[in-house]
Amino acid sequence: MRRSTKKKVIPLALAIALAIVGATLAVPQIQVNVQQLGAGSSVITSDVQQANITWVLNTTNPDYISAVNFVLNTTVTGTIYVKLYDASGNLIAYNSTTLAAASSGTVYFNPNVNIAGVNEVYVIYQGPAP
């Protein structure tokens, strides 16, 4: 190798080595501790084992949903959420109601929802904070 080529290659090699070392030091190390569900100090439980859900249709136009009635197998406190989705997975309507030691309730939709557009229904119970 010629002497002028060596003079160009050595600084380039040092610059690349420093860049690699600098990039390695710039990446933080992240450590994640994982435990099984229920293995922590607060075990997740639910008193709700069964629920009966019925549609409440609009009295003047039964093509529209005005509410959802639910009856739970137990008396609980917490919140019931009802989400309605169309065939593309878009959220059409969403509402909730708070339960104060009740086993039944109603979640209303205002405006009413066209039943023909509903493809999926999610009913979610969120219990009180531990």
C-alpha atoms as a PDB file:
ATOM      1  CA  MET A   1       0.000   0.000   0.000  1.00  0.00           C
ATOM      2  CA  ARG A   2       1.223   3.456  -0.732  1.00  0.00           C
ATOM      3  CA  ARG A   3       1.999   5.761   2.109  1.00  0.00           C
ATOM      4  CA  SER A   4      -0.682   8.342   1.144  1.00  0.00           C
ATOM      5  CA  THR A   5      -3.335   5.622   1.017  1.00  0.00           C
ATOM      6  CA  LYS A   6      -2.327   4.434   4.513  1.00  0.00           C
ATOM      7  CA  LYS A   7      -2.659   7.995   5.817  1.00  0.00           C
ATOM      8  CA  LYS A   8      -6.258   8.099   4.537  1.00  0.00           C
ATOM      9  CA  VAL A   9      -7.262   4.619   5.679  1.00  0.00           C
ATOM     10  CA  ILE A  10      -6.014   4.855   9.281  1.00  0.00           C
ATOM     11  CA  PRO A  11      -8.107   7.939  10.263  1.00  0.00           C
ATOM     12  CA  LEU A  12     -11.124   6.442   8.499  1.00  0.00           C
ATOM     13  CA  ALA A  13     -10.753   3.160  10.414  1.00  0.00           C
ATOM     14  CA  LEU A  14     -10.395   5.044  13.715  1.00  0.00           C
ATOM     15  CA  ALA A  15     -13.488   7.134  12.957  1.00  0.00           C
ATOM     16  CA  ILE A  16     -15.536   3.996  12.199  1.00  0.00           C
ATOM     17  CA  ALA A  17     -14.289   2.268  15.380  1.00  0.00           C
ATOM     18  CA  LEU A  18     -15.170   5.319  17.510  1.00  0.00           C
ATOM     19  CA  ALA A  19     -18.612   5.546  15.895  1.00  0.00           C
ATOM     20  CA  ILE A  20     -19.322   1.879  16.691  1.00  0.00           C
ATOM     21  CA  VAL A  21     -18.153   2.255  20.301  1.00  0.00           C
ATOM     22  CA  GLY A  22     -20.180   5.465  20.707  1.00  0.00           C
ATOM     23  CA  ALA A  23     -23.333   3.865  19.273  1.00  0.00           C
ATOM     24  CA  THR A  24     -22.934   0.893  21.603  1.00  0.00           C
ATOM     25  CA  LEU A  25     -22.646   3.137  24.645  1.00  0.00           C
ATOM     26  CA  ALA A  26     -25.636   5.257  23.592  1.00  0.00           C
ATOM     27  CA  VAL A  27     -28.099   2.326  23.681  1.00  0.00           C
ATOM     28  CA  PRO A  28     -29.502   1.920  27.206  1.00  0.00           C
ATOM     29  CA  GLN A  29     -29.901  -1.492  28.711  1.00  0.00           C
ATOM     30  CA  ILE A  30     -33.503  -2.302  29.624  1.00  0.00           C
ATOM     31  CA  GLN A  31     -34.301  -5.079  32.049  1.00  0.00           C
ATOM     32  CA  VAL A  32     -37.882  -6.334  32.392  1.00  0.00           C
ATOM     33  CA  ASN A  33     -39.016  -8.596  35.207  1.00  0.00           C
ATOM     34  CA  VAL A  34     -42.041 -10.723  34.311  1.00  0.00           C
ATOM     35  CA  GLN A  35     -44.322 -12.616  36.650  1.00  0.00           C
ATOM     36  CA  GLN A  36     -47.332 -14.811  36.035  1.00  0.00           C
ATOM     37  CA  LEU A  37     -50.837 -13.361  36.377  1.00  0.00           C
ATOM     38  CA  GLY A  38     -51.912 -13.668  39.995  1.00  0.00           C
ATOM     39  CA  ALA A  39     -48.356 -14.193  41.238  1.00  0.00           C
ATOM     40  CA  GLY A  40     -48.032 -10.617  42.542  1.00  0.00           C
ATOM     41  CA  SER A  41     -49.259  -9.137  45.788  1.00  0.00           C
ATOM     42  CA  SER A  42     -52.719  -8.251  44.373  1.00  0.00           C
ATOM     43  CA  VAL A  43     -54.477 -11.232  42.812  1.00  0.00           C
ATOM     44  CA  ILE A  44     -56.904 -10.364  39.997  1.00  0.00           C
ATOM     45  CA  THR A  45     -60.327 -11.904  40.560  1.00  0.00           C
ATOM     46  CA  SER A  46     -63.843 -11.308  39.273  1.00  0.00           C
ATOM     47  CA  ASP A  47     -67.134 -12.034  40.977  1.00  0.00           C
ATOM     48  CA  VAL A  48     -68.935 -12.034  37.607  1.00  0.00           C
ATOM     49  CA  GLN A  49     -69.101 -15.522  36.144  1.00  0.00           C
ATOM     50  CA  GLN A  50     -72.227 -15.118  33.997  1.00  0.00           C
ATOM     51  CA  ALA A  51     -74.190 -12.256  32.450  1.00  0.00           C
ATOM     52  CA  ASN A  52     -77.434 -12.099  30.494  1.00  0.00           C
ATOM     53  CA  ILE A  53     -77.452  -9.336  27.885  1.00  0.00           C
ATOM     54  CA  THR A  54     -80.571  -8.168  26.034  1.00  0.00           C
ATOM     55  CA  TRP A  55     -81.093  -5.445  23.439  1.00  0.00           C
ATOM     56  CA  VAL A  56     -83.565  -2.635  24.023  1.00  0.00           C
ATOM     57  CA  LEU A  57     -84.893  -1.615  20.625  1.00  0.00           C
ATOM     58  CA  ASN A  58     -86.316   1.812  19.833  1.00  0.00           C
ATOM     59  CA  THR A  59     -90.103   1.706  20.370  1.00  0.00           C
ATOM     60  CA  THR A  60     -90.934   3.699  17.220  1.00  0.00           C
ATOM     61  CA  ASN A  61     -88.276   2.121  14.955  1.00  0.00           C
ATOM     62  CA  PRO A  62     -87.038  -1.343  16.006  1.00  0.00           C
ATOM     63  CA  ASP A  63     -84.162  -1.105  13.505  1.00  0.00           C
ATOM     64  CA  TYR A  64     -82.328   0.985  16.116  1.00  0.00           C
ATOM     65  CA  ILE A  65     -80.773  -0.028  19.432  1.00  0.00           C
ATOM     66  CA  SER A  66     -81.563   2.386  22.239  1.00  0.00           C
ATOM     67  CA  ALA A  67     -79.930   0.481  25.109  1.00  0.00           C
ATOM     68  CA  VAL A  68     -78.506  -2.769  26.423  1.00  0.00           C
ATOM     69  CA  ASN A  69     -79.907  -4.399  29.579  1.00  0.00           C
ATOM     70  CA  PHE A  70     -77.725  -6.752  31.585  1.00  0.00           C
ATOM     71  CA  VAL A  71     -78.217  -9.053  34.558  1.00  0.00           C
ATOM     72  CA  LEU A  72     -75.152 -10.391  36.383  1.00  0.00           C
ATOM     73  CA  ASN A  73     -74.911 -13.560  38.452  1.00  0.00           C
ATOM     74  CA  THR A  74     -73.722 -11.602  41.469  1.00  0.00           C
ATOM     75  CA  THR A  75     -74.090  -8.236  43.152  1.00  0.00           C
ATOM     76  CA  VAL A  76     -71.010  -6.182  42.365  1.00  0.00           C
ATOM     77  CA  THR A  77     -69.719  -2.632  42.324  1.00  0.00           C
ATOM     78  CA  GLY A  78     -67.834  -1.270  39.358  1.00  0.00           C
ATOM     79  CA  THR A  79     -68.535  -0.138  35.818  1.00  0.00           C
ATOM     80  CA  ILE A  80     -70.091  -1.879  32.813  1.00  0.00           C
ATOM     81  CA  TYR A  81     -68.892  -0.684  29.387  1.00  0.00           C
ATOM     82  CA  VAL A  82     -70.643  -1.547  26.117  1.00  0.00           C
ATOM     83  CA  LYS A  83     -68.861  -0.952  22.802  1.00  0.00           C
ATOM     84  CA  LEU A  84     -70.425  -1.518  19.372  1.00  0.00           C
ATOM     85  CA  TYR A  85     -68.194  -2.030  16.299  1.00  0.00           C
ATOM     86  CA  ASP A  86     -68.942  -2.192  12.554  1.00  0.00           C
ATOM     87  CA  ALA A  87     -67.634  -4.843  10.120  1.00  0.00           C
ATOM     88  CA  SER A  88     -64.403  -2.853   9.553  1.00  0.00           C
ATOM     89  CA  GLY A  89     -63.623  -2.781  13.281  1.00  0.00           C
ATOM     90  CA  ASN A  90     -64.550   0.895  13.683  1.00  0.00           C
ATOM     91  CA  LEU A  91     -66.155   1.932  16.963  1.00  0.00           C
ATOM     92  CA  ILE A  92     -69.781   2.950  16.283  1.00  0.00           C
ATOM     93  CA  ALA A  93     -71.020   3.634  19.792  1.00  0.00           C
ATOM     94  CA  TYR A  94     -69.727   3.429  23.335  1.00  0.00           C
ATOM     95  CA  ASN A  95     -71.246   4.087  26.735  1.00  0.00           C
ATOM     96  CA  SER A  96     -71.028   2.879  30.316  1.00  0.00           C
ATOM     97  CA  THR A  97     -72.896   2.771  33.575  1.00  0.00           C
ATOM     98  CA  THR A  98     -71.669   2.587  37.155  1.00  0.00           C
ATOM     99  CA  LEU A  99     -72.892  -0.210  39.414  1.00  0.00           C
ATOM    100  CA  ALA A 100     -73.343   0.507  43.102  1.00  0.00           C
ATOM    101  CA  ALA A 101     -73.801  -2.990  44.542  1.00  0.00           C
ATOM    102  CA  ALA A 102     -76.336  -3.990  41.876  1.00  0.00           C
ATOM    103  CA  SER A 103     -76.804  -7.127  39.820  1.00  0.00           C
ATOM    104  CA  SER A 104     -78.524  -5.476  36.864  1.00  0.00           C
ATOM    105  CA  GLY A 105     -78.493  -2.263  34.892  1.00  0.00           C
ATOM    106  CA  THR A 106     -78.877  -0.554  31.539  1.00  0.00           C
ATOM    107  CA  VAL A 107     -76.402   1.125  29.219  1.00  0.00           C
ATOM    108  CA  TYR A 108     -78.117   3.689  26.967  1.00  0.00           C
ATOM    109  CA  PHE A 109     -77.123   4.863  23.474  1.00  0.00           C
ATOM    110  CA  ASN A 110     -78.024   8.400  22.484  1.00  0.00           C
ATOM    111  CA  PRO A 111     -78.361   8.725  19.566  1.00  0.00           C
ATOM    112  CA  ASN A 112     -79.759   5.256  18.940  1.00  0.00           C
ATOM    113  CA  VAL A 113     -77.613   2.912  16.842  1.00  0.00           C
ATOM    114  CA  ASN A 114     -78.730   1.279  13.581  1.00  0.00           C
ATOM    115  CA  ILE A 115     -78.634  -2.463  14.287  1.00  0.00           C
ATOM    116  CA  ALA A 116     -77.715  -3.249  10.653  1.00  0.00           C
ATOM    117  CA  GLY A 117     -74.315  -1.580  11.132  1.00  0.00           C
ATOM    118  CA  VAL A 118     -73.370  -3.530  14.273  1.00  0.00           C
ATOM    119  CA  ASN A 119     -70.968  -6.412  13.689  1.00  0.00           C
ATOM    120  CA  GLU A 120     -69.313  -6.914  17.103  1.00  0.00           C
ATOM    121  CA  VAL A 121     -70.342  -6.131  20.665  1.00  0.00           C
ATOM    122  CA  TYR A 122     -67.987  -5.889  23.623  1.00  0.00           C
ATOM    123  CA  VAL A 123     -69.380  -5.895  27.159  1.00  0.00           C
ATOM    124  CA  ILE A 124     -66.671  -5.158  29.710  1.00  0.00           C
ATOM    125  CA  TYR A 125     -66.897  -5.232  33.502  1.00  0.00           C
ATOM    126  CA  GLN A 126     -64.356  -3.153  35.414  1.00  0.00           C
ATOM    127  CA  GLY A 127     -64.389  -3.847  39.109  1.00  0.00           C
ATOM    128  CA  PRO A 128     -63.481  -1.437  41.887  1.00  0.00           C
ATOM    129  CA  ALA A 129     -59.848  -0.551  42.480  1.00  0.00           C
ATOM    130  CA  PRO A 130     -58.137  -3.014  44.837  1.00  0.00           C
END
